[in-house]
Amino acid sequence: MADNQATIYRYNSGDQGTRGIISASGFFCHTLELPWRNNRQNISCIPAGEYECLFVKIKRRIGGRKDLYWLKLVEGRSGVLMHAGVYAGDKSKGFKSNVLGCIELGHSIGKLKGQQAIFRSRECVNDFINHMNKEPFKLIVRDF
């Protein structure tokens, strides 16, 4: 694994999602994850800790390939990715979500239709991938 490293500093969590900032040697952006629900698959953000991240190309049925980072060896989970999205709320409480435990990246945050949201996400994911040079890196997640 390369010497690259990034850190997510989570600073706010609630039913509308978990907000954070990711920092990677001069690159900063916002993160949005599901609320903490005891690491339960598909409804919770991942536990704080250290993870190896690998650049992957995922083949999609529609739209060709998608370039993403995959978090390897997340306890009790599989398929945790860093990708684009807008919402990460608790669906059981009536909020919208574009994730099942993944991490959304965005250049700005705010509210959309009354719900916490992340914006300029696709652009941000591409910027992050380019900043990390598609190299593996260690991701440190620190809780709020």
N, C-alpha and C. Protein backbone atom coordinates (compact mmCIF):
# COMPACT_ATOMS: atom_id res chain seq x y z
N MET A 1 0.84 -1.17 0.00
CA MET A 1 0.00 0.00 0.00
C MET A 1 0.89 1.24 0.00
N ALA A 2 0.49 2.26 -0.73
CA ALA A 2 1.24 3.50 -0.80
C ALA A 2 1.23 4.20 0.55
N ASP A 3 2.08 5.20 0.70
CA ASP A 3 2.13 5.97 1.94
C ASP A 3 1.00 6.97 2.04
N ASN A 4 0.14 7.02 1.05
CA ASN A 4 -0.99 7.94 1.07
C ASN A 4 -1.87 7.69 2.27
N GLN A 5 -2.44 8.77 2.80
CA GLN A 5 -3.33 8.66 3.94
C GLN A 5 -4.40 9.74 3.85
N ALA A 6 -5.59 9.42 4.31
CA ALA A 6 -6.67 10.39 4.41
C ALA A 6 -7.36 10.17 5.75
N THR A 7 -7.92 11.24 6.29
CA THR A 7 -8.62 11.14 7.57
C THR A 7 -9.99 11.79 7.45
N ILE A 8 -11.01 11.07 7.92
CA ILE A 8 -12.35 11.64 8.04
C ILE A 8 -12.55 12.03 9.49
N TYR A 9 -12.88 13.29 9.69
CA TYR A 9 -13.22 13.81 11.01
C TYR A 9 -14.74 14.00 11.04
N ARG A 10 -15.44 13.10 11.70
CA ARG A 10 -16.90 13.20 11.81
C ARG A 10 -17.24 14.21 12.91
N TYR A 11 -18.16 15.11 12.61
CA TYR A 11 -18.46 16.15 13.59
C TYR A 11 -19.94 16.28 13.94
N ASN A 12 -20.81 15.57 13.25
CA ASN A 12 -22.23 15.70 13.54
C ASN A 12 -22.96 14.46 13.03
N SER A 13 -23.81 13.89 13.86
CA SER A 13 -24.58 12.73 13.43
C SER A 13 -26.00 12.82 13.96
N GLY A 14 -26.95 12.42 13.13
CA GLY A 14 -28.35 12.40 13.51
C GLY A 14 -29.12 11.60 12.49
N ASP A 15 -30.42 11.63 12.58
CA ASP A 15 -31.26 10.83 11.70
C ASP A 15 -31.10 11.19 10.22
N GLN A 16 -30.62 12.41 9.93
CA GLN A 16 -30.44 12.82 8.54
C GLN A 16 -29.06 12.47 7.99
N GLY A 17 -28.22 11.87 8.82
CA GLY A 17 -26.90 11.44 8.35
C GLY A 17 -25.79 11.87 9.27
N THR A 18 -24.58 11.44 8.93
CA THR A 18 -23.37 11.76 9.69
C THR A 18 -22.48 12.61 8.80
N ARG A 19 -22.23 13.83 9.24
CA ARG A 19 -21.38 14.75 8.49
C ARG A 19 -19.94 14.64 8.93
N GLY A 20 -19.04 14.91 8.00
CA GLY A 20 -17.63 14.92 8.32
C GLY A 20 -16.85 15.72 7.30
N ILE A 21 -15.56 15.81 7.55
CA ILE A 21 -14.61 16.44 6.63
C ILE A 21 -13.52 15.40 6.38
N ILE A 22 -13.14 15.24 5.12
CA ILE A 22 -12.02 14.36 4.81
C ILE A 22 -10.83 15.25 4.42
N SER A 23 -9.68 14.88 4.95
CA SER A 23 -8.44 15.61 4.69
C SER A 23 -7.41 14.62 4.16
N ALA A 24 -6.77 15.00 3.05
CA ALA A 24 -5.73 14.14 2.44
C ALA A 24 -4.65 15.03 1.84
N SER A 25 -3.62 15.28 2.61
CA SER A 25 -2.47 16.12 2.21
C SER A 25 -2.85 17.26 1.26
N GLY A 26 -3.58 18.22 1.80
CA GLY A 26 -3.93 19.40 1.04
C GLY A 26 -5.29 19.36 0.38
N PHE A 27 -5.91 18.22 0.33
CA PHE A 27 -7.25 18.10 -0.25
C PHE A 27 -8.25 18.01 0.89
N PHE A 28 -9.30 18.80 0.82
CA PHE A 28 -10.36 18.78 1.82
C PHE A 28 -11.71 18.75 1.12
N CYS A 29 -12.64 17.97 1.65
CA CYS A 29 -14.01 18.01 1.18
C CYS A 29 -14.92 17.50 2.28
N HIS A 30 -16.21 17.57 2.03
CA HIS A 30 -17.21 17.11 2.99
C HIS A 30 -17.51 15.63 2.77
N THR A 31 -17.95 14.98 3.83
CA THR A 31 -18.44 13.60 3.72
C THR A 31 -19.84 13.54 4.31
N LEU A 32 -20.62 12.60 3.83
CA LEU A 32 -21.94 12.34 4.39
C LEU A 32 -22.12 10.83 4.40
N GLU A 33 -22.47 10.32 5.58
CA GLU A 33 -22.69 8.88 5.77
C GLU A 33 -24.02 8.68 6.49
N LEU A 34 -24.45 7.45 6.55
CA LEU A 34 -25.64 7.11 7.32
C LEU A 34 -25.43 7.43 8.79
N PRO A 35 -26.50 7.56 9.56
CA PRO A 35 -26.36 7.72 11.02
C PRO A 35 -25.74 6.47 11.63
N TRP A 36 -25.19 6.60 12.82
CA TRP A 36 -24.64 5.44 13.52
C TRP A 36 -25.78 4.58 14.03
N ARG A 37 -25.81 3.32 13.59
CA ARG A 37 -26.81 2.35 14.01
C ARG A 37 -26.10 1.04 14.36
N ASN A 38 -25.08 1.14 15.21
CA ASN A 38 -24.34 -0.03 15.72
C ASN A 38 -23.74 -0.90 14.62
N ASN A 39 -23.28 -0.29 13.55
CA ASN A 39 -22.63 -0.97 12.42
C ASN A 39 -23.55 -1.99 11.74
N ARG A 40 -24.85 -1.80 11.84
CA ARG A 40 -25.77 -2.73 11.17
C ARG A 40 -25.74 -2.48 9.66
N GLN A 41 -25.60 -3.58 8.91
CA GLN A 41 -25.49 -3.50 7.46
C GLN A 41 -26.67 -2.75 6.86
N ASN A 42 -26.36 -1.91 5.89
CA ASN A 42 -27.32 -1.17 5.08
C ASN A 42 -28.03 -0.02 5.78
N ILE A 43 -27.85 0.16 7.10
CA ILE A 43 -28.53 1.25 7.79
C ILE A 43 -27.61 2.08 8.68
N SER A 44 -26.32 1.73 8.75
CA SER A 44 -25.39 2.41 9.65
C SER A 44 -24.13 2.83 8.92
N CYS A 45 -23.53 3.93 9.41
CA CYS A 45 -22.19 4.26 8.96
C CYS A 45 -21.23 3.22 9.54
N ILE A 46 -20.03 3.20 9.02
CA ILE A 46 -19.04 2.22 9.48
C ILE A 46 -18.43 2.68 10.81
N PRO A 47 -17.85 1.77 11.57
CA PRO A 47 -17.20 2.17 12.82
C PRO A 47 -15.96 3.03 12.57
N ALA A 48 -15.64 3.87 13.54
CA ALA A 48 -14.38 4.60 13.49
C ALA A 48 -13.26 3.57 13.47
N GLY A 49 -12.15 3.90 12.84
CA GLY A 49 -11.03 2.97 12.76
C GLY A 49 -10.15 3.29 11.58
N GLU A 50 -9.32 2.32 11.22
CA GLU A 50 -8.40 2.47 10.09
C GLU A 50 -8.72 1.42 9.04
N TYR A 51 -8.73 1.85 7.79
CA TYR A 51 -9.11 0.98 6.69
C TYR A 51 -8.15 1.16 5.52
N GLU A 52 -7.90 0.08 4.82
CA GLU A 52 -7.15 0.13 3.57
C GLU A 52 -8.14 0.42 2.46
N CYS A 53 -7.82 1.38 1.62
CA CYS A 53 -8.69 1.74 0.50
C CYS A 53 -7.99 1.45 -0.81
N LEU A 54 -8.70 0.80 -1.70
CA LEU A 54 -8.16 0.44 -3.02
C LEU A 54 -9.02 1.06 -4.11
N PHE A 55 -8.36 1.53 -5.16
CA PHE A 55 -9.06 2.06 -6.33
C PHE A 55 -9.60 0.88 -7.13
N VAL A 56 -10.89 0.94 -7.48
CA VAL A 56 -11.52 -0.13 -8.24
C VAL A 56 -12.35 0.44 -9.38
N LYS A 57 -12.51 -0.37 -10.40
CA LYS A 57 -13.40 -0.03 -11.51
C LYS A 57 -14.55 -1.04 -11.45
N ILE A 58 -15.73 -0.53 -11.22
CA ILE A 58 -16.90 -1.39 -11.09
C ILE A 58 -17.69 -1.34 -12.39
N LYS A 59 -17.99 -2.50 -12.92
CA LYS A 59 -18.78 -2.58 -14.14
C LYS A 59 -20.25 -2.47 -13.76
N ARG A 60 -20.92 -1.52 -14.39
CA ARG A 60 -22.36 -1.33 -14.14
C ARG A 60 -23.16 -1.85 -15.32
N ARG A 61 -24.35 -2.32 -15.03
CA ARG A 61 -25.22 -2.81 -16.11
C ARG A 61 -25.56 -1.71 -17.10
N ILE A 62 -25.82 -0.52 -16.56
CA ILE A 62 -26.15 0.63 -17.40
C ILE A 62 -25.09 1.69 -17.15
N GLY A 63 -24.52 2.24 -18.20
CA GLY A 63 -23.59 3.34 -18.04
C GLY A 63 -22.12 2.96 -17.98
N GLY A 64 -21.78 1.73 -18.31
CA GLY A 64 -20.37 1.35 -18.38
C GLY A 64 -19.71 1.14 -17.03
N ARG A 65 -18.54 1.74 -16.84
CA ARG A 65 -17.75 1.54 -15.62
C ARG A 65 -17.85 2.75 -14.71
N LYS A 66 -17.60 2.47 -13.46
CA LYS A 66 -17.59 3.52 -12.44
C LYS A 66 -16.29 3.36 -11.65
N ASP A 67 -15.51 4.44 -11.55
CA ASP A 67 -14.25 4.42 -10.80
C ASP A 67 -14.52 4.90 -9.38
N LEU A 68 -14.08 4.11 -8.39
CA LEU A 68 -14.36 4.39 -6.99
C LEU A 68 -13.23 3.90 -6.11
N TYR A 69 -13.28 4.31 -4.86
CA TYR A 69 -12.43 3.70 -3.84
C TYR A 69 -13.29 2.74 -3.01
N TRP A 70 -12.70 1.59 -2.71
CA TRP A 70 -13.35 0.54 -1.93
C TRP A 70 -12.61 0.40 -0.61
N LEU A 71 -13.35 0.36 0.49
CA LEU A 71 -12.76 0.15 1.81
C LEU A 71 -12.69 -1.34 2.07
N LYS A 72 -11.49 -1.82 2.22
CA LYS A 72 -11.24 -3.25 2.38
C LYS A 72 -11.37 -3.63 3.86
N LEU A 73 -11.92 -4.80 4.11
CA LEU A 73 -11.96 -5.40 5.45
C LEU A 73 -12.66 -4.53 6.50
N VAL A 74 -13.85 -4.05 6.19
CA VAL A 74 -14.66 -3.35 7.18
C VAL A 74 -15.43 -4.43 7.95
N GLU A 75 -15.24 -4.45 9.25
CA GLU A 75 -15.84 -5.50 10.09
C GLU A 75 -17.35 -5.60 9.87
N GLY A 76 -17.81 -6.80 9.54
CA GLY A 76 -19.23 -7.06 9.37
C GLY A 76 -19.84 -6.48 8.11
N ARG A 77 -19.00 -6.01 7.20
CA ARG A 77 -19.50 -5.35 5.99
C ARG A 77 -18.77 -5.83 4.75
N SER A 78 -19.40 -5.57 3.61
CA SER A 78 -18.74 -5.77 2.33
C SER A 78 -19.25 -4.68 1.39
N GLY A 79 -18.47 -4.36 0.41
CA GLY A 79 -18.91 -3.39 -0.59
C GLY A 79 -19.01 -1.96 -0.11
N VAL A 80 -18.23 -1.57 0.89
CA VAL A 80 -18.24 -0.18 1.35
C VAL A 80 -17.37 0.64 0.41
N LEU A 81 -17.98 1.64 -0.22
CA LEU A 81 -17.33 2.45 -1.24
C LEU A 81 -17.36 3.93 -0.86
N MET A 82 -16.51 4.70 -1.51
CA MET A 82 -16.58 6.15 -1.46
C MET A 82 -17.14 6.57 -2.81
N HIS A 83 -18.31 7.22 -2.80
CA HIS A 83 -18.95 7.55 -4.07
C HIS A 83 -19.80 8.81 -3.97
N ALA A 84 -20.42 9.16 -5.08
CA ALA A 84 -21.28 10.34 -5.16
C ALA A 84 -22.67 10.02 -4.63
N GLY A 85 -23.34 11.03 -4.18
CA GLY A 85 -24.71 10.91 -3.71
C GLY A 85 -25.21 12.27 -3.23
N VAL A 86 -26.39 12.28 -2.66
CA VAL A 86 -26.97 13.52 -2.16
C VAL A 86 -27.41 13.37 -0.70
N TYR A 87 -28.08 12.25 -0.40
CA TYR A 87 -28.66 12.05 0.93
C TYR A 87 -28.08 10.81 1.62
N ALA A 88 -28.15 10.80 2.96
CA ALA A 88 -27.72 9.62 3.73
C ALA A 88 -28.53 9.55 5.03
N GLY A 89 -29.84 9.67 4.89
CA GLY A 89 -30.70 9.67 6.07
C GLY A 89 -31.20 8.30 6.45
N ASP A 90 -31.81 8.24 7.61
CA ASP A 90 -32.42 7.01 8.14
C ASP A 90 -33.78 6.82 7.47
N LYS A 91 -33.85 5.87 6.56
CA LYS A 91 -35.09 5.63 5.81
C LYS A 91 -36.25 5.22 6.70
N SER A 92 -35.94 4.53 7.81
CA SER A 92 -37.01 4.09 8.71
C SER A 92 -37.69 5.28 9.40
N LYS A 93 -37.05 6.44 9.34
CA LYS A 93 -37.62 7.65 9.94
C LYS A 93 -38.11 8.61 8.87
N GLY A 94 -38.22 8.11 7.63
CA GLY A 94 -38.79 8.91 6.55
C GLY A 94 -37.81 9.76 5.77
N PHE A 95 -36.52 9.61 6.01
CA PHE A 95 -35.53 10.40 5.28
C PHE A 95 -35.04 9.66 4.04
N LYS A 96 -34.54 10.42 3.08
CA LYS A 96 -33.99 9.85 1.85
C LYS A 96 -32.55 9.43 2.07
N SER A 97 -32.10 8.44 1.28
CA SER A 97 -30.71 7.99 1.34
C SER A 97 -30.28 7.43 -0.01
N ASN A 98 -29.05 7.75 -0.39
CA ASN A 98 -28.44 7.20 -1.60
C ASN A 98 -27.36 6.19 -1.27
N VAL A 99 -27.27 5.78 0.00
CA VAL A 99 -26.22 4.87 0.43
C VAL A 99 -26.77 3.74 1.29
N LEU A 100 -25.99 2.67 1.34
CA LEU A 100 -26.29 1.52 2.20
C LEU A 100 -25.11 1.25 3.12
N GLY A 101 -24.42 2.32 3.53
CA GLY A 101 -23.27 2.17 4.40
C GLY A 101 -22.00 2.75 3.82
N CYS A 102 -22.08 3.29 2.61
CA CYS A 102 -20.92 3.88 1.94
C CYS A 102 -20.69 5.31 2.42
N ILE A 103 -19.64 5.93 1.88
CA ILE A 103 -19.27 7.30 2.22
C ILE A 103 -19.44 8.17 0.98
N GLU A 104 -20.27 9.21 1.09
CA GLU A 104 -20.45 10.16 0.01
C GLU A 104 -19.48 11.32 0.20
N LEU A 105 -18.93 11.80 -0.90
CA LEU A 105 -18.03 12.95 -0.90
C LEU A 105 -18.70 14.11 -1.63
N GLY A 106 -18.44 15.33 -1.17
CA GLY A 106 -18.99 16.50 -1.84
C GLY A 106 -18.20 17.75 -1.54
N HIS A 107 -18.29 18.71 -2.46
CA HIS A 107 -17.58 19.97 -2.26
C HIS A 107 -18.34 20.94 -1.36
N SER A 108 -19.65 20.72 -1.17
CA SER A 108 -20.41 21.59 -0.28
C SER A 108 -21.54 20.81 0.36
N ILE A 109 -22.09 21.37 1.43
CA ILE A 109 -23.19 20.74 2.16
C ILE A 109 -24.29 21.77 2.39
N GLY A 110 -25.45 21.28 2.71
CA GLY A 110 -26.58 22.16 3.00
C GLY A 110 -27.83 21.35 3.16
N LYS A 111 -28.96 21.95 2.83
CA LYS A 111 -30.24 21.26 2.90
C LYS A 111 -30.87 21.27 1.52
N LEU A 112 -31.56 20.18 1.20
CA LEU A 112 -32.31 20.06 -0.03
C LEU A 112 -33.65 19.44 0.32
N LYS A 113 -34.71 20.14 -0.02
CA LYS A 113 -36.06 19.68 0.29
C LYS A 113 -36.19 19.37 1.78
N GLY A 114 -35.58 20.21 2.62
CA GLY A 114 -35.69 20.08 4.07
C GLY A 114 -34.81 19.02 4.71
N GLN A 115 -33.95 18.39 3.92
CA GLN A 115 -33.09 17.34 4.47
C GLN A 115 -31.62 17.68 4.24
N GLN A 116 -30.80 17.32 5.22
CA GLN A 116 -29.35 17.47 5.10
C GLN A 116 -28.88 16.79 3.81
N ALA A 117 -28.00 17.47 3.06
CA ALA A 117 -27.56 16.94 1.76
C ALA A 117 -26.12 17.36 1.50
N ILE A 118 -25.52 16.68 0.52
CA ILE A 118 -24.16 16.98 0.08
C ILE A 118 -24.24 17.31 -1.41
N PHE A 119 -23.43 18.29 -1.85
CA PHE A 119 -23.55 18.78 -3.22
C PHE A 119 -22.22 18.72 -3.96
N ARG A 120 -22.32 18.83 -5.30
CA ARG A 120 -21.17 18.75 -6.20
C ARG A 120 -20.38 17.47 -5.92
N SER A 121 -21.14 16.40 -5.78
CA SER A 121 -20.58 15.14 -5.33
C SER A 121 -19.80 14.41 -6.42
N ARG A 122 -20.35 14.26 -7.61
CA ARG A 122 -19.62 13.56 -8.68
C ARG A 122 -18.29 14.25 -8.98
N GLU A 123 -18.35 15.57 -9.07
CA GLU A 123 -17.13 16.35 -9.31
C GLU A 123 -16.12 16.11 -8.19
N CYS A 124 -16.60 16.08 -6.96
CA CYS A 124 -15.72 15.89 -5.81
C CYS A 124 -15.09 14.50 -5.81
N VAL A 125 -15.87 13.48 -6.11
CA VAL A 125 -15.32 12.12 -6.16
C VAL A 125 -14.21 12.05 -7.20
N ASN A 126 -14.43 12.64 -8.36
CA ASN A 126 -13.39 12.66 -9.40
C ASN A 126 -12.16 13.43 -8.94
N ASP A 127 -12.39 14.57 -8.28
CA ASP A 127 -11.26 15.35 -7.77
C ASP A 127 -10.46 14.56 -6.73
N PHE A 128 -11.16 13.84 -5.86
CA PHE A 128 -10.49 13.05 -4.84
C PHE A 128 -9.68 11.92 -5.46
N ILE A 129 -10.28 11.21 -6.41
CA ILE A 129 -9.57 10.12 -7.09
C ILE A 129 -8.31 10.65 -7.77
N ASN A 130 -8.43 11.80 -8.43
CA ASN A 130 -7.26 12.39 -9.09
C ASN A 130 -6.21 12.82 -8.08
N HIS A 131 -6.66 13.40 -6.96
CA HIS A 131 -5.71 13.82 -5.92
C HIS A 131 -4.95 12.62 -5.35
N MET A 132 -5.64 11.52 -5.18
CA MET A 132 -5.01 10.31 -4.61
C MET A 132 -4.28 9.50 -5.67
N ASN A 133 -4.30 9.97 -6.93
CA ASN A 133 -3.60 9.32 -8.05
C ASN A 133 -4.01 7.86 -8.25
N LYS A 134 -5.23 7.53 -7.86
CA LYS A 134 -5.73 6.15 -8.01
C LYS A 134 -4.87 5.15 -7.24
N GLU A 135 -4.11 5.64 -6.30
CA GLU A 135 -3.23 4.79 -5.49
C GLU A 135 -3.97 4.32 -4.24
N PRO A 136 -3.58 3.17 -3.70
CA PRO A 136 -4.14 2.72 -2.43
C PRO A 136 -3.77 3.72 -1.33
N PHE A 137 -4.59 3.79 -0.31
CA PHE A 137 -4.28 4.66 0.82
C PHE A 137 -4.93 4.13 2.09
N LYS A 138 -4.43 4.63 3.22
CA LYS A 138 -5.00 4.29 4.51
C LYS A 138 -6.01 5.38 4.87
N LEU A 139 -7.22 4.96 5.21
CA LEU A 139 -8.27 5.88 5.65
C LEU A 139 -8.44 5.73 7.16
N ILE A 140 -8.32 6.85 7.86
CA ILE A 140 -8.57 6.87 9.28
C ILE A 140 -9.90 7.59 9.49
N VAL A 141 -10.82 6.93 10.18
CA VAL A 141 -12.12 7.52 10.49
C VAL A 141 -12.16 7.82 11.97
N ARG A 142 -12.35 9.09 12.30
CA ARG A 142 -12.41 9.53 13.70
C ARG A 142 -13.80 10.03 14.01
N ASP A 143 -14.35 9.54 15.11
CA ASP A 143 -15.71 9.93 15.51
C ASP A 143 -15.76 11.32 16.09
N PHE A 144 -16.95 11.85 16.02
CA PHE A 144 -17.33 13.17 16.52
C PHE A 144 -17.20 13.23 18.01
